[in-house]
Amino acid sequence: MKHLVTVERLCLIGHSMALAFGLAGLLLVLPNPEFIAALPTIGQSAFGWSMANGGVGYILLGAITVAIYAYRTLGIRHWLTFMLPSIILSLGSELLGTSTGFPFGAYGYLSGLGYKIAGLVPFTIPLSWFYVGLCCYVLARSGLESLKLPMWAKLTGAIALGSVLLTAWDFVLDPAMSQASYPFWEFGEVGEFFGMPYRNVSGWLGTGAVFMFVAALFWGKAPLNLTRAQLTVPLVVYLINFAFGAIITVAELDSRYLIPTLMSVVLGVVPAIALWWMTKPAQGIESSLSGAIARDVPAVSVGISQK
């Protein structure tokens, strides 16, 4: 099991670095073509390759990180019974959305996220739903386990809260990925909610709630009993993916986009940290976030994607 922890940590570091390099490329390098022109031929080729494949790389590393985490922390049954429904159901939702406009509104994917399934949805998109979705659900379910509520309320609340955390991430992700200078998808209509149709919000909530509900059926009523230290990886993954979208949204778009960014903080970041804090620290382990990260994850750079 020790070697799995090592691989998980390396993938998380790689995921974080890929997000950080992506930020540097999108915000600093691409807006300054003279910098690219000054590179030698091999440097220009390497930069072009990294920008074309960076989105695929960071998503794959994020998915591998969370898959290993789920396997070693939750067990193979919990891992597979979340990963398979989340990938299959989100892919179905995305294929339906790109074909008919339901449930997200009219939109289509551009280049930069890998091979498109049926020519519509990059294969990396369902992986994004999986790895961020699992982080949201595990944080929600573990945090609510500490409350003295009926079991049905904890299970229902975990699905509802997990899907809210997932949708809150989209409040910064969608503007960054569809309206910044270098978009990865585009809407076919001018949305009423900061360029996004309101249907996009309900589509995210509904898709997340459906696959979390299916996973909850497989997981049953037994508590996860995870400590803060064991929840550090989901929290870190959630925060760095939020930071990626938030930094692009704030840096590239006008000041009115501070509103969805603040909404994402209030509905996503603050509850995620609070849920992490609500769980019990392991005996003899410091309960501060910095201490947990120092033990469970080496220093990670803050560092896209999906519709």
C-alpha atoms as a PDB file:
ATOM      1  CA  MET A   1       0.000   0.000   0.000  1.00  0.00           C
ATOM      2  CA  LYS A   2       2.941   2.321   0.664  1.00  0.00           C
ATOM      3  CA  HIS A   3       3.898   2.411  -3.010  1.00  0.00           C
ATOM      4  CA  LEU A   4       0.327   3.441  -3.884  1.00  0.00           C
ATOM      5  CA  VAL A   5       0.611   6.400  -1.516  1.00  0.00           C
ATOM      6  CA  THR A   6       3.827   7.427  -3.274  1.00  0.00           C
ATOM      7  CA  VAL A   7       2.225   7.205  -6.724  1.00  0.00           C
ATOM      8  CA  GLU A   8      -0.823   9.107  -5.465  1.00  0.00           C
ATOM      9  CA  ARG A   9       1.348  11.901  -4.093  1.00  0.00           C
ATOM     10  CA  LEU A  10       3.385  12.133  -7.295  1.00  0.00           C
ATOM     11  CA  CYS A  11       0.214  12.303  -9.386  1.00  0.00           C
ATOM     12  CA  LEU A  12      -1.241  14.991  -7.138  1.00  0.00           C
ATOM     13  CA  ILE A  13       1.945  17.032  -7.429  1.00  0.00           C
ATOM     14  CA  GLY A  14       1.885  16.529 -11.205  1.00  0.00           C
ATOM     15  CA  HIS A  15      -1.794  17.520 -11.320  1.00  0.00           C
ATOM     16  CA  SER A  16      -1.049  20.700  -9.369  1.00  0.00           C
ATOM     17  CA  MET A  17       1.992  21.556 -11.490  1.00  0.00           C
ATOM     18  CA  ALA A  18       0.042  20.997 -14.705  1.00  0.00           C
ATOM     19  CA  LEU A  19      -2.630  23.428 -13.474  1.00  0.00           C
ATOM     20  CA  ALA A  20       0.048  25.960 -12.497  1.00  0.00           C
ATOM     21  CA  PHE A  21       1.823  25.663 -15.870  1.00  0.00           C
ATOM     22  CA  GLY A  22      -1.545  25.963 -17.593  1.00  0.00           C
ATOM     23  CA  LEU A  23      -2.222  29.192 -15.738  1.00  0.00           C
ATOM     24  CA  ALA A  24       1.201  30.564 -16.678  1.00  0.00           C
ATOM     25  CA  GLY A  25       0.695  29.633 -20.317  1.00  0.00           C
ATOM     26  CA  LEU A  26      -2.824  31.043 -20.605  1.00  0.00           C
ATOM     27  CA  LEU A  27      -2.267  34.244 -18.609  1.00  0.00           C
ATOM     28  CA  LEU A  28       1.390  35.119 -19.194  1.00  0.00           C
ATOM     29  CA  VAL A  29       2.842  33.416 -22.254  1.00  0.00           C
ATOM     30  CA  LEU A  30       0.070  33.323 -24.873  1.00  0.00           C
ATOM     31  CA  PRO A  31      -0.794  37.049 -24.427  1.00  0.00           C
ATOM     32  CA  ASN A  32       2.883  37.845 -25.151  1.00  0.00           C
ATOM     33  CA  PRO A  33       3.713  36.265 -28.538  1.00  0.00           C
ATOM     34  CA  GLU A  34       7.123  37.941 -28.568  1.00  0.00           C
ATOM     35  CA  PHE A  35       8.171  35.611 -25.767  1.00  0.00           C
ATOM     36  CA  ILE A  36       7.184  32.577 -27.835  1.00  0.00           C
ATOM     37  CA  ALA A  37       8.889  33.994 -30.943  1.00  0.00           C
ATOM     38  CA  ALA A  38      12.134  34.388 -28.977  1.00  0.00           C
ATOM     39  CA  LEU A  39      12.219  30.680 -28.116  1.00  0.00           C
ATOM     40  CA  PRO A  40      14.356  28.311 -30.196  1.00  0.00           C
ATOM     41  CA  THR A  41      12.517  26.016 -32.591  1.00  0.00           C
ATOM     42  CA  ILE A  42      12.526  23.123 -30.134  1.00  0.00           C
ATOM     43  CA  GLY A  43      11.191  25.429 -27.421  1.00  0.00           C
ATOM     44  CA  GLN A  44       8.343  26.625 -29.616  1.00  0.00           C
ATOM     45  CA  SER A  45       7.474  23.032 -30.488  1.00  0.00           C
ATOM     46  CA  ALA A  46       7.544  21.998 -26.829  1.00  0.00           C
ATOM     47  CA  PHE A  47       5.356  24.943 -25.822  1.00  0.00           C
ATOM     48  CA  GLY A  48       2.881  24.215 -28.615  1.00  0.00           C
ATOM     49  CA  TRP A  49       2.682  20.564 -27.571  1.00  0.00           C
ATOM     50  CA  SER A  50       2.202  21.440 -23.899  1.00  0.00           C
ATOM     51  CA  MET A  51      -0.616  23.891 -24.640  1.00  0.00           C
ATOM     52  CA  ALA A  52      -2.329  21.401 -26.965  1.00  0.00           C
ATOM     53  CA  ASN A  53      -2.106  18.505 -24.504  1.00  0.00           C
ATOM     54  CA  GLY A  54      -1.910  20.194 -21.101  1.00  0.00           C
ATOM     55  CA  GLY A  55      -5.662  19.949 -20.513  1.00  0.00           C
ATOM     56  CA  VAL A  56      -5.600  16.211 -21.132  1.00  0.00           C
ATOM     57  CA  GLY A  57      -2.587  15.753 -18.864  1.00  0.00           C
ATOM     58  CA  TYR A  58      -3.922  17.601 -15.847  1.00  0.00           C
ATOM     59  CA  ILE A  59      -7.292  15.819 -16.007  1.00  0.00           C
ATOM     60  CA  LEU A  60      -5.689  12.379 -16.327  1.00  0.00           C
ATOM     61  CA  LEU A  61      -3.399  13.107 -13.376  1.00  0.00           C
ATOM     62  CA  GLY A  62      -6.346  14.326 -11.308  1.00  0.00           C
ATOM     63  CA  ALA A  63      -8.389  11.236 -12.150  1.00  0.00           C
ATOM     64  CA  ILE A  64      -5.496   8.877 -11.330  1.00  0.00           C
ATOM     65  CA  THR A  65      -4.863  10.691  -8.029  1.00  0.00           C
ATOM     66  CA  VAL A  66      -8.471  10.363  -6.902  1.00  0.00           C
ATOM     67  CA  ALA A  67      -8.815   6.802  -8.193  1.00  0.00           C
ATOM     68  CA  ILE A  68      -5.812   5.659  -6.138  1.00  0.00           C
ATOM     69  CA  TYR A  69      -7.052   7.641  -3.149  1.00  0.00           C
ATOM     70  CA  ALA A  70     -10.490   6.028  -3.364  1.00  0.00           C
ATOM     71  CA  TYR A  71      -9.043   2.538  -3.782  1.00  0.00           C
ATOM     72  CA  ARG A  72      -6.695   2.712  -0.806  1.00  0.00           C
ATOM     73  CA  THR A  73      -8.953   4.766   1.514  1.00  0.00           C
ATOM     74  CA  LEU A  74     -12.475   3.606   0.658  1.00  0.00           C
ATOM     75  CA  GLY A  75     -11.806   0.197  -0.883  1.00  0.00           C
ATOM     76  CA  ILE A  76     -12.258  -1.190  -4.376  1.00  0.00           C
ATOM     77  CA  ARG A  77     -16.055  -1.553  -4.094  1.00  0.00           C
ATOM     78  CA  HIS A  78     -16.636   2.070  -3.091  1.00  0.00           C
ATOM     79  CA  TRP A  79     -14.139   3.274  -5.681  1.00  0.00           C
ATOM     80  CA  LEU A  80     -15.679   1.426  -8.625  1.00  0.00           C
ATOM     81  CA  THR A  81     -19.286   1.987  -7.603  1.00  0.00           C
ATOM     82  CA  PHE A  82     -18.675   5.738  -7.657  1.00  0.00           C
ATOM     83  CA  MET A  83     -16.325   5.961 -10.633  1.00  0.00           C
ATOM     84  CA  LEU A  84     -18.375   3.873 -13.079  1.00  0.00           C
ATOM     85  CA  PRO A  85     -21.763   5.598 -12.476  1.00  0.00           C
ATOM     86  CA  SER A  86     -20.166   9.060 -12.482  1.00  0.00           C
ATOM     87  CA  ILE A  87     -18.336   8.458 -15.769  1.00  0.00           C
ATOM     88  CA  ILE A  88     -21.197   6.679 -17.543  1.00  0.00           C
ATOM     89  CA  LEU A  89     -23.988   9.003 -16.403  1.00  0.00           C
ATOM     90  CA  SER A  90     -22.021  12.225 -16.911  1.00  0.00           C
ATOM     91  CA  LEU A  91     -20.971  11.095 -20.389  1.00  0.00           C
ATOM     92  CA  GLY A  92     -24.608  10.383 -21.214  1.00  0.00           C
ATOM     93  CA  SER A  93     -25.596  13.808 -19.900  1.00  0.00           C
ATOM     94  CA  GLU A  94     -22.836  15.502 -21.912  1.00  0.00           C
ATOM     95  CA  LEU A  95     -23.688  13.634 -25.130  1.00  0.00           C
ATOM     96  CA  LEU A  96     -27.334  14.567 -24.684  1.00  0.00           C
ATOM     97  CA  GLY A  97     -26.370  18.153 -23.934  1.00  0.00           C
ATOM     98  CA  THR A  98     -24.096  18.625 -26.939  1.00  0.00           C
ATOM     99  CA  SER A  99     -26.687  16.962 -29.196  1.00  0.00           C
ATOM    100  CA  THR A 100     -29.917  18.565 -27.990  1.00  0.00           C
ATOM    101  CA  GLY A 101     -29.061  21.414 -25.617  1.00  0.00           C
ATOM    102  CA  PHE A 102     -30.601  19.558 -22.658  1.00  0.00           C
ATOM    103  CA  PRO A 103     -29.771  19.733 -19.756  1.00  0.00           C
ATOM    104  CA  PHE A 104     -27.020  22.379 -19.984  1.00  0.00           C
ATOM    105  CA  GLY A 105     -28.169  24.623 -22.832  1.00  0.00           C
ATOM    106  CA  ALA A 106     -26.761  24.771 -26.361  1.00  0.00           C
ATOM    107  CA  TYR A 107     -22.979  24.359 -26.292  1.00  0.00           C
ATOM    108  CA  GLY A 108     -20.121  22.577 -28.001  1.00  0.00           C
ATOM    109  CA  TYR A 109     -16.557  21.626 -27.175  1.00  0.00           C
ATOM    110  CA  LEU A 110     -13.605  23.121 -29.017  1.00  0.00           C
ATOM    111  CA  SER A 111     -10.099  21.642 -29.155  1.00  0.00           C
ATOM    112  CA  GLY A 112      -7.593  21.070 -26.370  1.00  0.00           C
ATOM    113  CA  LEU A 113      -9.249  18.403 -24.237  1.00  0.00           C
ATOM    114  CA  GLY A 114      -8.478  15.276 -26.209  1.00  0.00           C
ATOM    115  CA  TYR A 115     -10.303  12.824 -28.451  1.00  0.00           C
ATOM    116  CA  LYS A 116     -14.036  13.494 -28.703  1.00  0.00           C
ATOM    117  CA  ILE A 117     -16.420  10.600 -28.116  1.00  0.00           C
ATOM    118  CA  ALA A 118     -18.954  10.506 -30.991  1.00  0.00           C
ATOM    119  CA  GLY A 119     -17.238  13.656 -32.219  1.00  0.00           C
ATOM    120  CA  LEU A 120     -18.937  15.626 -29.426  1.00  0.00           C
ATOM    121  CA  VAL A 121     -17.510  15.149 -25.929  1.00  0.00           C
ATOM    122  CA  PRO A 122     -13.777  14.916 -25.082  1.00  0.00           C
ATOM    123  CA  PHE A 123     -13.001  11.670 -23.273  1.00  0.00           C
ATOM    124  CA  THR A 124     -11.475  13.683 -20.440  1.00  0.00           C
ATOM    125  CA  ILE A 125     -14.764  15.362 -19.496  1.00  0.00           C
ATOM    126  CA  PRO A 126     -16.384  12.348 -17.751  1.00  0.00           C
ATOM    127  CA  LEU A 127     -13.093  11.873 -15.878  1.00  0.00           C
ATOM    128  CA  SER A 128     -13.431  15.419 -14.550  1.00  0.00           C
ATOM    129  CA  TRP A 129     -16.943  14.701 -13.332  1.00  0.00           C
ATOM    130  CA  PHE A 130     -15.586  11.621 -11.576  1.00  0.00           C
ATOM    131  CA  TYR A 131     -12.602  13.030  -9.747  1.00  0.00           C
ATOM    132  CA  VAL A 132     -14.083  16.349  -8.627  1.00  0.00           C
ATOM    133  CA  GLY A 133     -17.459  14.696  -7.962  1.00  0.00           C
ATOM    134  CA  LEU A 134     -15.964  12.067  -5.674  1.00  0.00           C
ATOM    135  CA  CYS A 135     -14.066  14.734  -3.722  1.00  0.00           C
ATOM    136  CA  CYS A 136     -17.303  16.697  -3.243  1.00  0.00           C
ATOM    137  CA  TYR A 137     -19.349  13.681  -2.185  1.00  0.00           C
ATOM    138  CA  VAL A 138     -16.758  12.260   0.219  1.00  0.00           C
ATOM    139  CA  LEU A 139     -16.314  15.651   1.912  1.00  0.00           C
ATOM    140  CA  ALA A 140     -20.088  16.119   2.216  1.00  0.00           C
ATOM    141  CA  ARG A 141     -20.804  12.629   3.499  1.00  0.00           C
ATOM    142  CA  SER A 142     -17.917  12.571   5.964  1.00  0.00           C
ATOM    143  CA  GLY A 143     -18.722  16.019   7.350  1.00  0.00           C
ATOM    144  CA  LEU A 144     -22.406  15.220   7.854  1.00  0.00           C
ATOM    145  CA  GLU A 145     -21.546  11.977   9.662  1.00  0.00           C
ATOM    146  CA  SER A 146     -20.423  14.079  12.619  1.00  0.00           C
ATOM    147  CA  LEU A 147     -23.918  15.549  13.068  1.00  0.00           C
ATOM    148  CA  LYS A 148     -26.641  13.962  15.175  1.00  0.00           C
ATOM    149  CA  LEU A 149     -29.156  13.514  12.387  1.00  0.00           C
ATOM    150  CA  PRO A 150     -31.265  10.577  11.208  1.00  0.00           C
ATOM    151  CA  MET A 151     -29.414   8.367   8.739  1.00  0.00           C
ATOM    152  CA  TRP A 152     -31.781   9.262   5.897  1.00  0.00           C
ATOM    153  CA  ALA A 153     -31.068  12.951   6.479  1.00  0.00           C
ATOM    154  CA  LYS A 154     -27.294  12.385   6.376  1.00  0.00           C
ATOM    155  CA  LEU A 155     -27.477  10.370   3.162  1.00  0.00           C
ATOM    156  CA  THR A 156     -29.863  12.768   1.434  1.00  0.00           C
ATOM    157  CA  GLY A 157     -27.898  15.756   2.671  1.00  0.00           C
ATOM    158  CA  ALA A 158     -24.625  14.309   1.352  1.00  0.00           C
ATOM    159  CA  ILE A 159     -26.096  13.992  -2.145  1.00  0.00           C
ATOM    160  CA  ALA A 160     -27.591  17.486  -2.053  1.00  0.00           C
ATOM    161  CA  LEU A 161     -24.523  19.139  -0.536  1.00  0.00           C
ATOM    162  CA  GLY A 162     -22.112  17.209  -2.745  1.00  0.00           C
ATOM    163  CA  SER A 163     -23.916  18.334  -5.897  1.00  0.00           C
ATOM    164  CA  VAL A 164     -23.929  21.943  -4.636  1.00  0.00           C
ATOM    165  CA  LEU A 165     -20.158  21.814  -4.090  1.00  0.00           C
ATOM    166  CA  LEU A 166     -19.743  20.437  -7.603  1.00  0.00           C
ATOM    167  CA  THR A 167     -21.966  23.135  -9.120  1.00  0.00           C
ATOM    168  CA  ALA A 168     -20.216  25.879  -7.152  1.00  0.00           C
ATOM    169  CA  TRP A 169     -16.972  24.874  -8.885  1.00  0.00           C
ATOM    170  CA  ASP A 170     -18.684  25.482 -12.228  1.00  0.00           C
ATOM    171  CA  PHE A 171     -19.404  29.103 -11.282  1.00  0.00           C
ATOM    172  CA  VAL A 172     -15.718  29.854 -11.907  1.00  0.00           C
ATOM    173  CA  LEU A 173     -14.943  27.029 -14.329  1.00  0.00           C
ATOM    174  CA  ASP A 174     -17.506  27.858 -17.003  1.00  0.00           C
ATOM    175  CA  PRO A 175     -16.639  31.571 -17.396  1.00  0.00           C
ATOM    176  CA  ALA A 176     -12.922  30.706 -17.458  1.00  0.00           C
ATOM    177  CA  MET A 177     -13.309  27.956 -20.042  1.00  0.00           C
ATOM    178  CA  SER A 178     -15.928  29.521 -22.328  1.00  0.00           C
ATOM    179  CA  GLN A 179     -15.441  33.296 -22.153  1.00  0.00           C
ATOM    180  CA  ALA A 180     -11.728  33.889 -21.570  1.00  0.00           C
ATOM    181  CA  SER A 181      -9.274  34.579 -24.388  1.00  0.00           C
ATOM    182  CA  TYR A 182      -8.584  30.901 -25.114  1.00  0.00           C
ATOM    183  CA  PRO A 183     -11.857  28.976 -24.674  1.00  0.00           C
ATOM    184  CA  PHE A 184     -12.275  25.194 -24.521  1.00  0.00           C
ATOM    185  CA  TRP A 185     -16.024  25.194 -25.172  1.00  0.00           C
ATOM    186  CA  GLU A 186     -18.620  27.713 -26.280  1.00  0.00           C
ATOM    187  CA  PHE A 187     -22.319  28.274 -25.703  1.00  0.00           C
ATOM    188  CA  GLY A 188     -24.620  28.653 -28.685  1.00  0.00           C
ATOM    189  CA  GLU A 189     -26.676  31.267 -26.864  1.00  0.00           C
ATOM    190  CA  VAL A 190     -26.005  34.274 -24.671  1.00  0.00           C
ATOM    191  CA  GLY A 191     -26.715  33.041 -21.172  1.00  0.00           C
ATOM    192  CA  GLU A 192     -28.571  35.067 -18.570  1.00  0.00           C
ATOM    193  CA  PHE A 193     -26.279  33.952 -15.735  1.00  0.00           C
ATOM    194  CA  PHE A 194     -22.953  35.641 -16.500  1.00  0.00           C
ATOM    195  CA  GLY A 195     -22.889  34.254 -20.021  1.00  0.00           C
ATOM    196  CA  MET A 196     -24.204  30.857 -18.961  1.00  0.00           C
ATOM    197  CA  PRO A 197     -27.831  29.787 -19.388  1.00  0.00           C
ATOM    198  CA  TYR A 198     -29.656  29.089 -16.144  1.00  0.00           C
ATOM    199  CA  ARG A 199     -30.213  25.579 -17.479  1.00  0.00           C
ATOM    200  CA  ASN A 200     -26.484  25.041 -17.147  1.00  0.00           C
ATOM    201  CA  VAL A 201     -26.729  25.466 -13.372  1.00  0.00           C
ATOM    202  CA  SER A 202     -29.682  23.099 -13.040  1.00  0.00           C
ATOM    203  CA  GLY A 203     -27.967  20.655 -15.405  1.00  0.00           C
ATOM    204  CA  TRP A 204     -24.897  20.544 -13.196  1.00  0.00           C
ATOM    205  CA  LEU A 205     -26.950  20.104 -10.043  1.00  0.00           C
ATOM    206  CA  GLY A 206     -29.052  17.384 -11.614  1.00  0.00           C
ATOM    207  CA  THR A 207     -26.191  15.439 -13.195  1.00  0.00           C
ATOM    208  CA  GLY A 208     -24.144  15.491  -9.995  1.00  0.00           C
ATOM    209  CA  ALA A 209     -27.122  14.527  -7.852  1.00  0.00           C
ATOM    210  CA  VAL A 210     -28.026  11.585 -10.124  1.00  0.00           C
ATOM    211  CA  PHE A 211     -24.644   9.874 -10.102  1.00  0.00           C
ATOM    212  CA  MET A 212     -24.128  10.616  -6.402  1.00  0.00           C
ATOM    213  CA  PHE A 213     -27.529   9.063  -5.686  1.00  0.00           C
ATOM    214  CA  VAL A 214     -26.595   5.934  -7.645  1.00  0.00           C
ATOM    215  CA  ALA A 215     -23.268   5.696  -5.796  1.00  0.00           C
ATOM    216  CA  ALA A 216     -25.054   6.168  -2.455  1.00  0.00           C
ATOM    217  CA  LEU A 217     -27.287   3.183  -3.243  1.00  0.00           C
ATOM    218  CA  PHE A 218     -24.227   1.007  -3.778  1.00  0.00           C
ATOM    219  CA  TRP A 219     -22.370   2.377  -0.751  1.00  0.00           C
ATOM    220  CA  GLY A 220     -25.226   1.749   1.649  1.00  0.00           C
ATOM    221  CA  LYS A 221     -25.683   3.226   5.131  1.00  0.00           C
ATOM    222  CA  ALA A 222     -22.371   2.266   6.719  1.00  0.00           C
ATOM    223  CA  PRO A 223     -20.412   5.388   7.776  1.00  0.00           C
ATOM    224  CA  LEU A 224     -17.116   6.145   6.043  1.00  0.00           C
ATOM    225  CA  ASN A 225     -15.381   7.038   9.340  1.00  0.00           C
ATOM    226  CA  LEU A 226     -12.699   9.123   7.628  1.00  0.00           C
ATOM    227  CA  THR A 227     -10.464  11.479   9.597  1.00  0.00           C
ATOM    228  CA  ARG A 228      -9.362  14.966   8.583  1.00  0.00           C
ATOM    229  CA  ALA A 229      -6.010  13.652   7.487  1.00  0.00           C
ATOM    230  CA  GLN A 230      -7.724  11.085   5.267  1.00  0.00           C
ATOM    231  CA  LEU A 231      -9.858  13.843   3.722  1.00  0.00           C
ATOM    232  CA  THR A 232      -6.902  16.092   2.907  1.00  0.00           C
ATOM    233  CA  VAL A 233      -6.498  14.808  -0.665  1.00  0.00           C
ATOM    234  CA  PRO A 234     -10.160  15.455  -1.630  1.00  0.00           C
ATOM    235  CA  LEU A 235      -9.983  18.926  -0.070  1.00  0.00           C
ATOM    236  CA  VAL A 236      -6.713  19.820  -1.812  1.00  0.00           C
ATOM    237  CA  VAL A 237      -7.968  18.562  -5.186  1.00  0.00           C
ATOM    238  CA  TYR A 238     -11.164  20.579  -4.818  1.00  0.00           C
ATOM    239  CA  LEU A 239      -9.351  23.764  -3.791  1.00  0.00           C
ATOM    240  CA  ILE A 240      -6.692  23.726  -6.512  1.00  0.00           C
ATOM    241  CA  ASN A 241      -9.285  23.081  -9.221  1.00  0.00           C
ATOM    242  CA  PHE A 242     -11.376  25.937  -7.855  1.00  0.00           C
ATOM    243  CA  ALA A 243      -8.303  28.181  -7.804  1.00  0.00           C
ATOM    244  CA  PHE A 244      -7.515  27.415 -11.442  1.00  0.00           C
ATOM    245  CA  GLY A 245     -10.906  28.569 -12.691  1.00  0.00           C
ATOM    246  CA  ALA A 246     -11.141  31.467 -10.232  1.00  0.00           C
ATOM    247  CA  ILE A 247      -7.746  32.930 -11.169  1.00  0.00           C
ATOM    248  CA  ILE A 248      -8.561  32.870 -14.899  1.00  0.00           C
ATOM    249  CA  THR A 249     -12.040  34.293 -14.322  1.00  0.00           C
ATOM    250  CA  VAL A 250     -10.798  37.167 -12.139  1.00  0.00           C
ATOM    251  CA  ALA A 251      -7.715  37.920 -14.260  1.00  0.00           C
ATOM    252  CA  GLU A 252      -9.278  37.737 -17.732  1.00  0.00           C
ATOM    253  CA  LEU A 253     -12.903  38.809 -17.343  1.00  0.00           C
ATOM    254  CA  ASP A 254     -14.442  42.073 -16.161  1.00  0.00           C
ATOM    255  CA  SER A 255     -15.270  42.971 -12.580  1.00  0.00           C
ATOM    256  CA  ARG A 256     -18.859  41.700 -12.700  1.00  0.00           C
ATOM    257  CA  TYR A 257     -17.448  38.163 -12.723  1.00  0.00           C
ATOM    258  CA  LEU A 258     -16.368  38.715  -9.147  1.00  0.00           C
ATOM    259  CA  ILE A 259     -19.994  37.887  -8.300  1.00  0.00           C
ATOM    260  CA  PRO A 260     -19.950  34.236  -9.507  1.00  0.00           C
ATOM    261  CA  THR A 261     -16.454  33.917  -8.048  1.00  0.00           C
ATOM    262  CA  LEU A 262     -17.698  35.016  -4.620  1.00  0.00           C
ATOM    263  CA  MET A 263     -20.704  32.703  -5.018  1.00  0.00           C
ATOM    264  CA  SER A 264     -18.294  29.848  -5.693  1.00  0.00           C
ATOM    265  CA  VAL A 265     -16.359  30.712  -2.543  1.00  0.00           C
ATOM    266  CA  VAL A 266     -19.510  30.907  -0.399  1.00  0.00           C
ATOM    267  CA  LEU A 267     -21.212  27.811  -1.808  1.00  0.00           C
ATOM    268  CA  GLY A 268     -18.119  25.730  -2.484  1.00  0.00           C
ATOM    269  CA  VAL A 269     -14.836  26.643  -0.832  1.00  0.00           C
ATOM    270  CA  VAL A 270     -16.177  27.635   2.593  1.00  0.00           C
ATOM    271  CA  PRO A 271     -18.455  24.579   2.966  1.00  0.00           C
ATOM    272  CA  ALA A 272     -15.715  22.232   1.718  1.00  0.00           C
ATOM    273  CA  ILE A 273     -13.279  23.497   4.365  1.00  0.00           C
ATOM    274  CA  ALA A 274     -16.012  23.443   7.021  1.00  0.00           C
ATOM    275  CA  LEU A 275     -16.933  19.839   6.172  1.00  0.00           C
ATOM    276  CA  TRP A 276     -13.267  18.850   6.363  1.00  0.00           C
ATOM    277  CA  TRP A 277     -13.025  20.542   9.770  1.00  0.00           C
ATOM    278  CA  MET A 278     -16.186  18.849  11.071  1.00  0.00           C
ATOM    279  CA  THR A 279     -14.600  15.408  10.808  1.00  0.00           C
ATOM    280  CA  LYS A 280     -12.556  14.125  13.722  1.00  0.00           C
ATOM    281  CA  PRO A 281      -8.772  14.259  13.653  1.00  0.00           C
ATOM    282  CA  ALA A 282      -7.018  10.925  14.043  1.00  0.00           C
ATOM    283  CA  GLN A 283      -5.631  10.353  17.512  1.00  0.00           C
ATOM    284  CA  GLY A 284      -2.194  11.875  17.821  1.00  0.00           C
ATOM    285  CA  ILE A 285      -2.510  13.768  14.546  1.00  0.00           C
ATOM    286  CA  GLU A 286      -2.593  17.523  14.451  1.00  0.00           C
ATOM    287  CA  SER A 287      -5.919  18.839  13.260  1.00  0.00           C
ATOM    288  CA  SER A 288      -4.762  21.955  11.456  1.00  0.00           C
ATOM    289  CA  LEU A 289      -4.982  22.025   7.669  1.00  0.00           C
ATOM    290  CA  SER A 290      -1.298  22.811   7.295  1.00  0.00           C
ATOM    291  CA  GLY A 291      -0.335  19.907   9.492  1.00  0.00           C
ATOM    292  CA  ALA A 292      -2.607  17.525   7.639  1.00  0.00           C
ATOM    293  CA  ILE A 293      -1.284  18.606   4.272  1.00  0.00           C
ATOM    294  CA  ALA A 294       2.294  18.335   5.457  1.00  0.00           C
ATOM    295  CA  ARG A 295       1.715  14.716   6.456  1.00  0.00           C
ATOM    296  CA  ASP A 296      -0.600  13.525   3.741  1.00  0.00           C
ATOM    297  CA  VAL A 297       0.506  15.584   0.741  1.00  0.00           C
ATOM    298  CA  PRO A 298       3.868  17.248   0.074  1.00  0.00           C
ATOM    299  CA  ALA A 299       3.752  20.998  -0.667  1.00  0.00           C
ATOM    300  CA  VAL A 300       1.438  21.431  -3.623  1.00  0.00           C
ATOM    301  CA  SER A 301       1.311  24.320  -6.074  1.00  0.00           C
ATOM    302  CA  VAL A 302      -2.099  25.864  -6.548  1.00  0.00           C
ATOM    303  CA  GLY A 303      -3.092  25.359  -9.866  1.00  0.00           C
ATOM    304  CA  ILE A 304      -9.381  22.599 -16.105  1.00  0.00           C
ATOM    305  CA  SER A 305     -11.976  21.265 -17.190  1.00  0.00           C
ATOM    306  CA  GLN A 306     -15.271  20.271 -18.223  1.00  0.00           C
ATOM    307  CA  LYS A 307     -18.443  22.021 -19.168  1.00  0.00           C
END
